[in-house]
Amino acid sequence: MKIKPLGDKILVKRVDAEEKTASGIFLPESAKEKPQQAKVVRVGTGKVNDDGKKIDFQVKEGDTIILGKWGGTEIKLDGEDYIVLGEDEVLAVVG
Protein backbone atom coordinates (compact mmCIF):
# COMPACT_ATOMS: atom_id res chain seq x y z
CA MET A 1 0.00 0.00 0.00
CA LYS A 2 1.45 3.34 -1.04
CA ILE A 3 -0.51 5.47 1.41
CA LYS A 4 -0.30 5.72 5.21
CA PRO A 5 -2.78 7.90 7.08
CA LEU A 6 -1.34 10.35 9.62
CA GLY A 7 -2.37 10.96 13.22
CA ASP A 8 -5.89 9.77 14.07
CA LYS A 9 -6.85 9.23 10.42
CA ILE A 10 -7.88 5.87 8.97
CA LEU A 11 -8.09 4.59 5.39
CA VAL A 12 -11.21 2.58 4.54
CA LYS A 13 -12.79 0.95 1.51
CA ARG A 14 -16.58 0.94 1.22
CA VAL A 15 -18.33 -2.43 1.16
CA ASP A 16 -20.21 -2.90 -2.14
CA ALA A 17 -23.84 -1.73 -2.21
CA GLU A 18 -26.64 -4.26 -2.46
CA GLU A 19 -27.38 -5.25 -6.04
CA LYS A 20 -30.94 -6.35 -5.35
CA THR A 21 -33.68 -5.83 -2.79
CA ALA A 22 -34.82 -8.42 -0.24
CA SER A 23 -37.70 -9.31 -2.58
CA GLY A 24 -35.27 -10.04 -5.45
CA ILE A 25 -35.61 -6.86 -7.54
CA PHE A 26 -32.31 -5.83 -9.13
CA LEU A 27 -31.40 -2.18 -8.56
CA PRO A 28 -29.93 0.08 -11.25
CA GLU A 29 -26.81 2.09 -10.33
CA SER A 30 -28.87 5.28 -9.99
CA ALA A 31 -31.13 3.71 -7.33
CA LYS A 32 -28.39 2.27 -5.12
CA GLU A 33 -27.71 4.05 -1.85
CA LYS A 34 -24.17 4.89 -0.83
CA PRO A 35 -23.11 2.04 1.49
CA GLN A 36 -22.39 2.97 5.08
CA GLN A 37 -20.22 -0.06 5.84
CA ALA A 38 -16.51 -0.05 5.11
CA LYS A 39 -13.41 -2.16 5.81
CA VAL A 40 -10.49 -0.54 7.62
CA VAL A 41 -7.46 -0.84 5.33
CA ARG A 42 -4.83 1.16 7.28
CA VAL A 43 -4.70 3.20 10.47
CA GLY A 44 -2.55 6.22 11.21
CA THR A 45 0.01 6.73 13.93
CA GLY A 46 -2.56 7.64 16.60
CA LYS A 47 -3.83 10.77 18.28
CA VAL A 48 -1.81 12.53 20.96
CA ASN A 49 -3.68 14.16 23.87
CA ASP A 50 -2.79 17.44 25.58
CA ASP A 51 -0.41 15.65 27.99
CA GLY A 52 1.56 14.19 25.07
CA LYS A 53 0.26 10.65 25.60
CA LYS A 54 -0.61 8.58 22.54
CA ILE A 55 -4.23 7.41 22.49
CA ASP A 56 -4.77 3.92 21.06
CA PHE A 57 -7.21 3.41 18.18
CA GLN A 58 -10.57 1.80 18.88
CA VAL A 59 -10.53 0.26 15.38
CA LYS A 60 -7.91 -1.94 13.74
CA GLU A 61 -7.05 -3.00 10.21
CA GLY A 62 -9.59 -5.51 8.92
CA ASP A 63 -12.50 -4.22 11.06
CA THR A 64 -15.84 -3.55 9.38
CA ILE A 65 -17.18 -0.17 10.46
CA ILE A 66 -20.25 2.01 10.02
CA LEU A 67 -19.64 5.55 8.80
CA GLY A 68 -21.84 8.45 7.76
CA LYS A 69 -22.90 8.61 4.11
CA TRP A 70 -20.97 11.81 3.48
CA GLY A 71 -18.09 11.48 5.96
CA GLY A 72 -14.40 11.58 5.12
CA THR A 73 -12.50 12.47 1.97
CA GLU A 74 -12.85 10.20 -1.04
CA ILE A 75 -9.65 9.38 -2.95
CA LYS A 76 -8.73 7.12 -5.84
CA LEU A 77 -5.52 5.08 -5.66
CA ASP A 78 -4.44 2.54 -8.28
CA GLY A 79 -7.97 2.55 -9.72
CA GLU A 80 -9.58 1.75 -6.34
CA ASP A 81 -11.84 4.10 -4.34
CA TYR A 82 -10.94 4.75 -0.70
CA ILE A 83 -11.99 7.15 2.04
CA VAL A 84 -9.71 8.88 4.54
CA LEU A 85 -11.50 9.90 7.73
CA GLY A 86 -10.82 10.67 11.35
CA GLU A 87 -11.50 7.96 13.88
CA ASP A 88 -14.07 10.27 15.48
CA GLU A 89 -16.15 9.97 12.27
CA VAL A 90 -16.57 6.20 12.80
CA LEU A 91 -20.07 5.53 14.17
CA ALA A 92 -19.67 1.85 15.14
CA VAL A 93 -17.67 -1.34 14.64
CA VAL A 94 -19.62 -4.29 13.22
CA GLY A 95 -19.18 -7.66 14.86
PDB file of N, CA and C in Angstrom:
ATOM      1  N   MET A   1       0.858  -1.178   0.000  1.00  0.00           N
ATOM      2  CA  MET A   1       0.000   0.000   0.000  1.00  0.00           C
ATOM      3  C   MET A   1       0.900   1.234   0.000  1.00  0.00           C
ATOM      4  N   LYS A   2       0.615   2.160  -0.873  1.00  0.00           N
ATOM      5  CA  LYS A   2       1.447   3.343  -1.042  1.00  0.00           C
ATOM      6  C   LYS A   2       1.026   4.516  -0.174  1.00  0.00           C
ATOM      7  N   ILE A   3      -0.006   4.351   0.623  1.00  0.00           N
ATOM      8  CA  ILE A   3      -0.513   5.466   1.410  1.00  0.00           C
ATOM      9  C   ILE A   3      -0.614   5.055   2.872  1.00  0.00           C
ATOM     10  N   LYS A   4      -0.202   5.950   3.765  1.00  0.00           N
ATOM     11  CA  LYS A   4      -0.305   5.716   5.207  1.00  0.00           C
ATOM     12  C   LYS A   4      -0.957   6.937   5.824  1.00  0.00           C
ATOM     13  N   PRO A   5      -2.123   6.771   6.436  1.00  0.00           N
ATOM     14  CA  PRO A   5      -2.779   7.902   7.081  1.00  0.00           C
ATOM     15  C   PRO A   5      -1.947   8.439   8.240  1.00  0.00           C
ATOM     16  N   LEU A   6      -2.078   9.711   8.528  1.00  0.00           N
ATOM     17  CA  LEU A   6      -1.343  10.350   9.615  1.00  0.00           C
ATOM     18  C   LEU A   6      -2.245  10.563  10.824  1.00  0.00           C
ATOM     19  N   GLY A   7      -1.641  10.649  11.994  1.00  0.00           N
ATOM     20  CA  GLY A   7      -2.375  10.960  13.218  1.00  0.00           C
ATOM     21  C   GLY A   7      -3.523  10.005  13.470  1.00  0.00           C
ATOM     22  N   ASP A   8      -4.714  10.585  13.746  1.00  0.00           N
ATOM     23  CA  ASP A   8      -5.885   9.767  14.068  1.00  0.00           C
ATOM     24  C   ASP A   8      -6.724   9.440  12.837  1.00  0.00           C
ATOM     25  N   LYS A   9      -6.132   9.522  11.661  1.00  0.00           N
ATOM     26  CA  LYS A   9      -6.854   9.231  10.417  1.00  0.00           C
ATOM     27  C   LYS A   9      -6.788   7.745  10.094  1.00  0.00           C
ATOM     28  N   ILE A  10      -7.843   7.257   9.416  1.00  0.00           N
ATOM     29  CA  ILE A  10      -7.875   5.873   8.971  1.00  0.00           C
ATOM     30  C   ILE A  10      -8.250   5.834   7.491  1.00  0.00           C
ATOM     31  N   LEU A  11      -7.790   4.803   6.807  1.00  0.00           N
ATOM     32  CA  LEU A  11      -8.091   4.594   5.393  1.00  0.00           C
ATOM     33  C   LEU A  11      -9.055   3.418   5.307  1.00  0.00           C
ATOM     34  N   VAL A  12     -10.208   3.644   4.655  1.00  0.00           N
ATOM     35  CA  VAL A  12     -11.215   2.585   4.543  1.00  0.00           C
ATOM     36  C   VAL A  12     -11.648   2.411   3.101  1.00  0.00           C
ATOM     37  N   LYS A  13     -12.233   1.255   2.823  1.00  0.00           N
ATOM     38  CA  LYS A  13     -12.790   0.954   1.507  1.00  0.00           C
ATOM     39  C   LYS A  13     -14.237   0.546   1.732  1.00  0.00           C
ATOM     40  N   ARG A  14     -15.163   1.251   1.059  1.00  0.00           N
ATOM     41  CA  ARG A  14     -16.582   0.940   1.225  1.00  0.00           C
ATOM     42  C   ARG A  14     -16.892  -0.488   0.786  1.00  0.00           C
ATOM     43  N   VAL A  15     -17.810  -1.116   1.519  1.00  0.00           N
ATOM     44  CA  VAL A  15     -18.330  -2.433   1.156  1.00  0.00           C
ATOM     45  C   VAL A  15     -19.327  -2.201   0.030  1.00  0.00           C
ATOM     46  N   ASP A  16     -19.331  -3.071  -0.985  1.00  0.00           N
ATOM     47  CA  ASP A  16     -20.211  -2.897  -2.142  1.00  0.00           C
ATOM     48  C   ASP A  16     -21.676  -2.793  -1.736  1.00  0.00           C
ATOM     49  N   ALA A  17     -22.408  -1.929  -2.453  1.00  0.00           N
ATOM     50  CA  ALA A  17     -23.839  -1.732  -2.207  1.00  0.00           C
ATOM     51  C   ALA A  17     -24.610  -2.969  -2.655  1.00  0.00           C
ATOM     52  N   GLU A  18     -25.782  -3.140  -2.078  1.00  0.00           N
ATOM     53  CA  GLU A  18     -26.636  -4.261  -2.457  1.00  0.00           C
ATOM     54  C   GLU A  18     -27.055  -4.127  -3.913  1.00  0.00           C
ATOM     55  N   GLU A  19     -27.010  -5.230  -4.630  1.00  0.00           N
ATOM     56  CA  GLU A  19     -27.383  -5.246  -6.043  1.00  0.00           C
ATOM     57  C   GLU A  19     -28.875  -5.487  -6.235  1.00  0.00           C
ATOM     58  N   LYS A  20     -29.512  -6.116  -5.233  1.00  0.00           N
ATOM     59  CA  LYS A  20     -30.945  -6.351  -5.350  1.00  0.00           C
ATOM     60  C   LYS A  20     -31.611  -6.217  -3.992  1.00  0.00           C
ATOM     61  N   THR A  21     -32.918  -5.997  -4.018  1.00  0.00           N
ATOM     62  CA  THR A  21     -33.685  -5.834  -2.789  1.00  0.00           C
ATOM     63  C   THR A  21     -33.943  -7.190  -2.153  1.00  0.00           C
ATOM     64  N   ALA A  22     -34.505  -7.173  -0.945  1.00  0.00           N
ATOM     65  CA  ALA A  22     -34.822  -8.423  -0.244  1.00  0.00           C
ATOM     66  C   ALA A  22     -35.847  -9.248  -1.013  1.00  0.00           C
ATOM     67  N   SER A  23     -36.694  -8.588  -1.804  1.00  0.00           N
ATOM     68  CA  SER A  23     -37.703  -9.313  -2.576  1.00  0.00           C
ATOM     69  C   SER A  23     -37.181  -9.796  -3.928  1.00  0.00           C
ATOM     70  N   GLY A  24     -35.886  -9.514  -4.243  1.00  0.00           N
ATOM     71  CA  GLY A  24     -35.274 -10.038  -5.448  1.00  0.00           C
ATOM     72  C   GLY A  24     -35.241  -9.090  -6.637  1.00  0.00           C
ATOM     73  N   ILE A  25     -35.633  -7.836  -6.448  1.00  0.00           N
ATOM     74  CA  ILE A  25     -35.610  -6.865  -7.542  1.00  0.00           C
ATOM     75  C   ILE A  25     -34.201  -6.301  -7.671  1.00  0.00           C
ATOM     76  N   PHE A  26     -33.638  -6.370  -8.887  1.00  0.00           N
ATOM     77  CA  PHE A  26     -32.305  -5.833  -9.128  1.00  0.00           C
ATOM     78  C   PHE A  26     -32.363  -4.319  -9.249  1.00  0.00           C
ATOM     79  N   LEU A  27     -31.422  -3.643  -8.586  1.00  0.00           N
ATOM     80  CA  LEU A  27     -31.403  -2.182  -8.563  1.00  0.00           C
ATOM     81  C   LEU A  27     -30.439  -1.630  -9.607  1.00  0.00           C
ATOM     82  N   PRO A  28     -30.867  -0.594 -10.352  1.00  0.00           N
ATOM     83  CA  PRO A  28     -29.931   0.079 -11.255  1.00  0.00           C
ATOM     84  C   PRO A  28     -28.956   0.928 -10.445  1.00  0.00           C
ATOM     85  N   GLU A  29     -27.821   1.287 -11.027  1.00  0.00           N
ATOM     86  CA  GLU A  29     -26.805   2.091 -10.329  1.00  0.00           C
ATOM     87  C   GLU A  29     -27.403   3.357  -9.724  1.00  0.00           C
ATOM     88  N   SER A  30     -28.313   4.015 -10.453  1.00  0.00           N
ATOM     89  CA  SER A  30     -28.873   5.283  -9.989  1.00  0.00           C
ATOM     90  C   SER A  30     -29.745   5.130  -8.752  1.00  0.00           C
ATOM     91  N   ALA A  31     -30.242   3.931  -8.479  1.00  0.00           N
ATOM     92  CA  ALA A  31     -31.125   3.714  -7.335  1.00  0.00           C
ATOM     93  C   ALA A  31     -30.393   3.196  -6.105  1.00  0.00           C
ATOM     94  N   LYS A  32     -29.135   2.816  -6.255  1.00  0.00           N
ATOM     95  CA  LYS A  32     -28.386   2.275  -5.125  1.00  0.00           C
ATOM     96  C   LYS A  32     -28.013   3.391  -4.159  1.00  0.00           C
ATOM     97  N   GLU A  33     -28.141   3.100  -2.872  1.00  0.00           N
ATOM     98  CA  GLU A  33     -27.708   4.053  -1.855  1.00  0.00           C
ATOM     99  C   GLU A  33     -26.221   3.869  -1.599  1.00  0.00           C
ATOM    100  N   LYS A  34     -25.585   4.950  -1.177  1.00  0.00           N
ATOM    101  CA  LYS A  34     -24.172   4.886  -0.834  1.00  0.00           C
ATOM    102  C   LYS A  34     -24.032   4.007   0.408  1.00  0.00           C
ATOM    103  N   PRO A  35     -23.234   2.941   0.335  1.00  0.00           N
ATOM    104  CA  PRO A  35     -23.108   2.044   1.492  1.00  0.00           C
ATOM    105  C   PRO A  35     -22.466   2.747   2.685  1.00  0.00           C
ATOM    106  N   GLN A  36     -22.928   2.379   3.870  1.00  0.00           N
ATOM    107  CA  GLN A  36     -22.392   2.975   5.084  1.00  0.00           C
ATOM    108  C   GLN A  36     -21.436   2.041   5.808  1.00  0.00           C
ATOM    109  N   GLN A  37     -21.198   0.852   5.256  1.00  0.00           N
ATOM    110  CA  GLN A  37     -20.220  -0.061   5.841  1.00  0.00           C
ATOM    111  C   GLN A  37     -18.935   0.017   5.039  1.00  0.00           C
ATOM    112  N   ALA A  38     -17.821  -0.097   5.756  1.00  0.00           N
ATOM    113  CA  ALA A  38     -16.513  -0.053   5.107  1.00  0.00           C
ATOM    114  C   ALA A  38     -15.543  -0.925   5.883  1.00  0.00           C
ATOM    115  N   LYS A  39     -14.503  -1.379   5.193  1.00  0.00           N
ATOM    116  CA  LYS A  39     -13.415  -2.161   5.811  1.00  0.00           C
ATOM    117  C   LYS A  39     -12.254  -1.226   6.087  1.00  0.00           C
ATOM    118  N   VAL A  40     -11.673  -1.329   7.267  1.00  0.00           N
ATOM    119  CA  VAL A  40     -10.495  -0.536   7.618  1.00  0.00           C
ATOM    120  C   VAL A  40      -9.286  -1.162   6.919  1.00  0.00           C
ATOM    121  N   VAL A  41      -8.607  -0.359   6.086  1.00  0.00           N
ATOM    122  CA  VAL A  41      -7.458  -0.842   5.331  1.00  0.00           C
ATOM    123  C   VAL A  41      -6.163  -0.519   6.067  1.00  0.00           C
ATOM    124  N   ARG A  42      -6.030   0.728   6.541  1.00  0.00           N
ATOM    125  CA  ARG A  42      -4.833   1.158   7.283  1.00  0.00           C
ATOM    126  C   ARG A  42      -5.252   2.143   8.358  1.00  0.00           C
ATOM    127  N   VAL A  43      -4.484   2.210   9.420  1.00  0.00           N
ATOM    128  CA  VAL A  43      -4.697   3.202  10.471  1.00  0.00           C
ATOM    129  C   VAL A  43      -3.461   4.080  10.573  1.00  0.00           C
ATOM    130  N   GLY A  44      -3.657   5.286  11.068  1.00  0.00           N
ATOM    131  CA  GLY A  44      -2.552   6.223  11.212  1.00  0.00           C
ATOM    132  C   GLY A  44      -1.677   5.907  12.405  1.00  0.00           C
ATOM    133  N   THR A  45      -0.925   6.909  12.826  1.00  0.00           N
ATOM    134  CA  THR A  45       0.014   6.731  13.934  1.00  0.00           C
ATOM    135  C   THR A  45      -0.642   6.895  15.291  1.00  0.00           C
ATOM    136  N   GLY A  46      -1.837   7.454  15.344  1.00  0.00           N
ATOM    137  CA  GLY A  46      -2.562   7.638  16.600  1.00  0.00           C
ATOM    138  C   GLY A  46      -2.626   9.090  17.011  1.00  0.00           C
ATOM    139  N   LYS A  47      -3.631   9.416  17.790  1.00  0.00           N
ATOM    140  CA  LYS A  47      -3.835  10.770  18.280  1.00  0.00           C
ATOM    141  C   LYS A  47      -3.021  10.982  19.556  1.00  0.00           C
ATOM    142  N   VAL A  48      -2.550  12.184  19.754  1.00  0.00           N
ATOM    143  CA  VAL A  48      -1.806  12.530  20.964  1.00  0.00           C
ATOM    144  C   VAL A  48      -2.646  13.525  21.751  1.00  0.00           C
ATOM    145  N   ASN A  49      -2.858  13.241  23.058  1.00  0.00           N
ATOM    146  CA  ASN A  49      -3.677  14.157  23.870  1.00  0.00           C
ATOM    147  C   ASN A  49      -2.852  15.350  24.340  1.00  0.00           C
ATOM    148  N   ASP A  50      -3.449  16.216  25.118  1.00  0.00           N
ATOM    149  CA  ASP A  50      -2.786  17.443  25.577  1.00  0.00           C
ATOM    150  C   ASP A  50      -1.571  17.174  26.463  1.00  0.00           C
ATOM    151  N   ASP A  51      -1.545  16.015  27.127  1.00  0.00           N
ATOM    152  CA  ASP A  51      -0.414  15.649  27.991  1.00  0.00           C
ATOM    153  C   ASP A  51       0.721  14.985  27.211  1.00  0.00           C
ATOM    154  N   GLY A  52       0.534  14.822  25.900  1.00  0.00           N
ATOM    155  CA  GLY A  52       1.557  14.189  25.072  1.00  0.00           C
ATOM    156  C   GLY A  52       1.477  12.675  25.025  1.00  0.00           C
ATOM    157  N   LYS A  53       0.425  12.099  25.623  1.00  0.00           N
ATOM    158  CA  LYS A  53       0.258  10.645  25.599  1.00  0.00           C
ATOM    159  C   LYS A  53      -0.456  10.221  24.318  1.00  0.00           C
ATOM    160  N   LYS A  54       0.015   9.120  23.739  1.00  0.00           N
ATOM    161  CA  LYS A  54      -0.614   8.580  22.542  1.00  0.00           C
ATOM    162  C   LYS A  54      -1.870   7.809  22.931  1.00  0.00           C
ATOM    163  N   ILE A  55      -2.953   8.082  22.236  1.00  0.00           N
ATOM    164  CA  ILE A  55      -4.227   7.407  22.495  1.00  0.00           C
ATOM    165  C   ILE A  55      -4.392   6.291  21.464  1.00  0.00           C
ATOM    166  N   ASP A  56      -4.619   5.065  21.950  1.00  0.00           N
ATOM    167  CA  ASP A  56      -4.771   3.919  21.055  1.00  0.00           C
ATOM    168  C   ASP A  56      -6.057   4.025  20.239  1.00  0.00           C
ATOM    169  N   PHE A  57      -6.030   3.460  19.035  1.00  0.00           N
ATOM    170  CA  PHE A  57      -7.206   3.414  18.178  1.00  0.00           C
ATOM    171  C   PHE A  57      -8.227   2.441  18.750  1.00  0.00           C
ATOM    172  N   GLN A  58      -9.510   2.725  18.510  1.00  0.00           N
ATOM    173  CA  GLN A  58     -10.569   1.796  18.881  1.00  0.00           C
ATOM    174  C   GLN A  58     -10.890   0.849  17.729  1.00  0.00           C
ATOM    175  N   VAL A  59     -10.350   1.135  16.549  1.00  0.00           N
ATOM    176  CA  VAL A  59     -10.526   0.257  15.383  1.00  0.00           C
ATOM    177  C   VAL A  59      -9.161  -0.261  14.972  1.00  0.00           C
ATOM    178  N   LYS A  60      -9.170  -1.377  14.235  1.00  0.00           N
ATOM    179  CA  LYS A  60      -7.908  -1.935  13.742  1.00  0.00           C
ATOM    180  C   LYS A  60      -8.096  -2.352  12.289  1.00  0.00           C
ATOM    181  N   GLU A  61      -6.999  -2.577  11.602  1.00  0.00           N
ATOM    182  CA  GLU A  61      -7.048  -2.999  10.213  1.00  0.00           C
ATOM    183  C   GLU A  61      -7.851  -4.294  10.104  1.00  0.00           C
ATOM    184  N   GLY A  62      -8.746  -4.343   9.120  1.00  0.00           N
ATOM    185  CA  GLY A  62      -9.594  -5.511   8.920  1.00  0.00           C
ATOM    186  C   GLY A  62     -10.978  -5.383   9.526  1.00  0.00           C
ATOM    187  N   ASP A  63     -11.182  -4.429  10.458  1.00  0.00           N
ATOM    188  CA  ASP A  63     -12.500  -4.218  11.060  1.00  0.00           C
ATOM    189  C   ASP A  63     -13.488  -3.725  10.010  1.00  0.00           C
ATOM    190  N   THR A  64     -14.753  -4.112  10.174  1.00  0.00           N
ATOM    191  CA  THR A  64     -15.839  -3.545   9.381  1.00  0.00           C
ATOM    192  C   THR A  64     -16.494  -2.484  10.247  1.00  0.00           C
ATOM    193  N   ILE A  65     -16.653  -1.287   9.688  1.00  0.00           N
ATOM    194  CA  ILE A  65     -17.176  -0.169  10.459  1.00  0.00           C
ATOM    195  C   ILE A  65     -18.413   0.423   9.786  1.00  0.00           C
ATOM    196  N   ILE A  66     -19.137   1.226  10.546  1.00  0.00           N
ATOM    197  CA  ILE A  66     -20.251   2.008  10.024  1.00  0.00           C
ATOM    198  C   ILE A  66     -19.798   3.461  10.023  1.00  0.00           C
ATOM    199  N   LEU A  67     -19.993   4.139   8.884  1.00  0.00           N
ATOM    200  CA  LEU A  67     -19.644   5.549   8.799  1.00  0.00           C
ATOM    201  C   LEU A  67     -20.807   6.307   8.182  1.00  0.00           C
ATOM    202  N   GLY A  68     -20.809   7.620   8.354  1.00  0.00           N
ATOM    203  CA  GLY A  68     -21.838   8.455   7.758  1.00  0.00           C
ATOM    204  C   GLY A  68     -21.753   8.422   6.239  1.00  0.00           C
ATOM    205  N   LYS A  69     -22.872   8.677   5.575  1.00  0.00           N
ATOM    206  CA  LYS A  69     -22.900   8.612   4.112  1.00  0.00           C
ATOM    207  C   LYS A  69     -21.954   9.616   3.477  1.00  0.00           C
ATOM    208  N   TRP A  70     -21.764  10.753   4.106  1.00  0.00           N
ATOM    209  CA  TRP A  70     -20.972  11.810   3.485  1.00  0.00           C
ATOM    210  C   TRP A  70     -19.709  12.124   4.265  1.00  0.00           C
ATOM    211  N   GLY A  71     -19.277  11.239   5.154  1.00  0.00           N
ATOM    212  CA  GLY A  71     -18.090  11.481   5.957  1.00  0.00           C
ATOM    213  C   GLY A  71     -16.796  11.226   5.201  1.00  0.00           C
ATOM    214  N   GLY A  72     -15.732  11.833   5.664  1.00  0.00           N
ATOM    215  CA  GLY A  72     -14.398  11.576   5.123  1.00  0.00           C
ATOM    216  C   GLY A  72     -14.128  12.239   3.790  1.00  0.00           C
ATOM    217  N   THR A  73     -12.946  11.955   3.259  1.00  0.00           N
ATOM    218  CA  THR A  73     -12.503  12.474   1.967  1.00  0.00           C
ATOM    219  C   THR A  73     -12.274  11.297   1.039  1.00  0.00           C
ATOM    220  N   GLU A  74     -12.978  11.286  -0.090  1.00  0.00           N
ATOM    221  CA  GLU A  74     -12.846  10.195  -1.043  1.00  0.00           C
ATOM    222  C   GLU A  74     -11.619  10.406  -1.913  1.00  0.00           C
ATOM    223  N   ILE A  75     -10.840   9.334  -2.087  1.00  0.00           N
ATOM    224  CA  ILE A  75      -9.655   9.385  -2.946  1.00  0.00           C
ATOM    225  C   ILE A  75      -9.644   8.161  -3.853  1.00  0.00           C
ATOM    226  N   LYS A  76      -8.903   8.255  -4.934  1.00  0.00           N
ATOM    227  CA  LYS A  76      -8.731   7.118  -5.844  1.00  0.00           C
ATOM    228  C   LYS A  76      -7.247   6.798  -5.891  1.00  0.00           C
ATOM    229  N   LEU A  77      -6.903   5.517  -5.671  1.00  0.00           N
ATOM    230  CA  LEU A  77      -5.519   5.080  -5.658  1.00  0.00           C
ATOM    231  C   LEU A  77      -5.420   3.764  -6.418  1.00  0.00           C
ATOM    232  N   ASP A  78      -4.604   3.737  -7.446  1.00  0.00           N
ATOM    233  CA  ASP A  78      -4.441   2.537  -8.281  1.00  0.00           C
ATOM    234  C   ASP A  78      -5.777   2.015  -8.797  1.00  0.00           C
ATOM    235  N   GLY A  79      -6.679   2.934  -9.162  1.00  0.00           N
ATOM    236  CA  GLY A  79      -7.974   2.550  -9.720  1.00  0.00           C
ATOM    237  C   GLY A  79      -9.003   2.112  -8.690  1.00  0.00           C
ATOM    238  N   GLU A  80      -8.673   2.141  -7.419  1.00  0.00           N
ATOM    239  CA  GLU A  80      -9.585   1.752  -6.345  1.00  0.00           C
ATOM    240  C   GLU A  80     -10.042   2.993  -5.585  1.00  0.00           C
ATOM    241  N   ASP A  81     -11.301   2.992  -5.120  1.00  0.00           N
ATOM    242  CA  ASP A  81     -11.843   4.100  -4.337  1.00  0.00           C
ATOM    243  C   ASP A  81     -11.662   3.830  -2.855  1.00  0.00           C
ATOM    244  N   TYR A  82     -11.148   4.818  -2.141  1.00  0.00           N
ATOM    245  CA  TYR A  82     -10.940   4.745  -0.698  1.00  0.00           C
ATOM    246  C   TYR A  82     -11.482   6.013  -0.054  1.00  0.00           C
ATOM    247  N   ILE A  83     -11.594   5.984   1.276  1.00  0.00           N
ATOM    248  CA  ILE A  83     -11.990   7.152   2.043  1.00  0.00           C
ATOM    249  C   ILE A  83     -10.998   7.314   3.181  1.00  0.00           C
ATOM    250  N   VAL A  84     -10.541   8.547   3.389  1.00  0.00           N
ATOM    251  CA  VAL A  84      -9.709   8.878   4.541  1.00  0.00           C
ATOM    252  C   VAL A  84     -10.596   9.665   5.499  1.00  0.00           C
ATOM    253  N   LEU A  85     -10.679   9.207   6.743  1.00  0.00           N
ATOM    254  CA  LEU A  85     -11.500   9.899   7.726  1.00  0.00           C
ATOM    255  C   LEU A  85     -10.869   9.804   9.095  1.00  0.00           C
ATOM    256  N   GLY A  86     -11.286  10.702   9.968  1.00  0.00           N
ATOM    257  CA  GLY A  86     -10.818  10.673  11.349  1.00  0.00           C
ATOM    258  C   GLY A  86     -11.536   9.578  12.114  1.00  0.00           C
ATOM    259  N   GLU A  87     -10.865   9.024  13.104  1.00  0.00           N
ATOM    260  CA  GLU A  87     -11.498   7.958  13.883  1.00  0.00           C
ATOM    261  C   GLU A  87     -12.776   8.450  14.548  1.00  0.00           C
ATOM    262  N   ASP A  88     -12.855   9.732  14.857  1.00  0.00           N
ATOM    263  CA  ASP A  88     -14.065  10.266  15.484  1.00  0.00           C
ATOM    264  C   ASP A  88     -15.270  10.282  14.547  1.00  0.00           C
ATOM    265  N   GLU A  89     -15.058  10.044  13.242  1.00  0.00           N
ATOM    266  CA  GLU A  89     -16.154   9.971  12.274  1.00  0.00           C
ATOM    267  C   GLU A  89     -16.730   8.553  12.164  1.00  0.00           C
ATOM    268  N   VAL A  90     -16.083   7.578  12.797  1.00  0.00           N
ATOM    269  CA  VAL A  90     -16.574   6.201  12.802  1.00  0.00           C
ATOM    270  C   VAL A  90     -17.729   6.121  13.793  1.00  0.00           C
ATOM    271  N   LEU A  91     -18.876   5.603  13.315  1.00  0.00           N
ATOM    272  CA  LEU A  91     -20.067   5.529  14.165  1.00  0.00           C
ATOM    273  C   LEU A  91     -20.103   4.252  14.988  1.00  0.00           C
ATOM    274  N   ALA A  92     -19.619   3.131  14.429  1.00  0.00           N
ATOM    275  CA  ALA A  92     -19.669   1.845  15.142  1.00  0.00           C
ATOM    276  C   ALA A  92     -18.753   0.843  14.451  1.00  0.00           C
ATOM    277  N   VAL A  93     -18.404  -0.205  15.186  1.00  0.00           N
ATOM    278  CA  VAL A  93     -17.671  -1.340  14.642  1.00  0.00           C
ATOM    279  C   VAL A  93     -18.652  -2.499  14.570  1.00  0.00           C
ATOM    280  N   VAL A  94     -18.713  -3.170  13.419  1.00  0.00           N
ATOM    281  CA  VAL A  94     -19.623  -4.294  13.221  1.00  0.00           C
ATOM    282  C   VAL A  94     -18.955  -5.567  13.709  1.00  0.00           C
ATOM    283  N   GLY A  95     -19.699  -6.360  14.459  1.00  0.00           N
ATOM    284  CA  GLY A  95     -19.184  -7.657  14.863  1.00  0.00           C
ATOM    285  C   GLY A  95     -18.889  -7.795  16.256  1.00  0.00           C
TER     286      GLY A  95
END
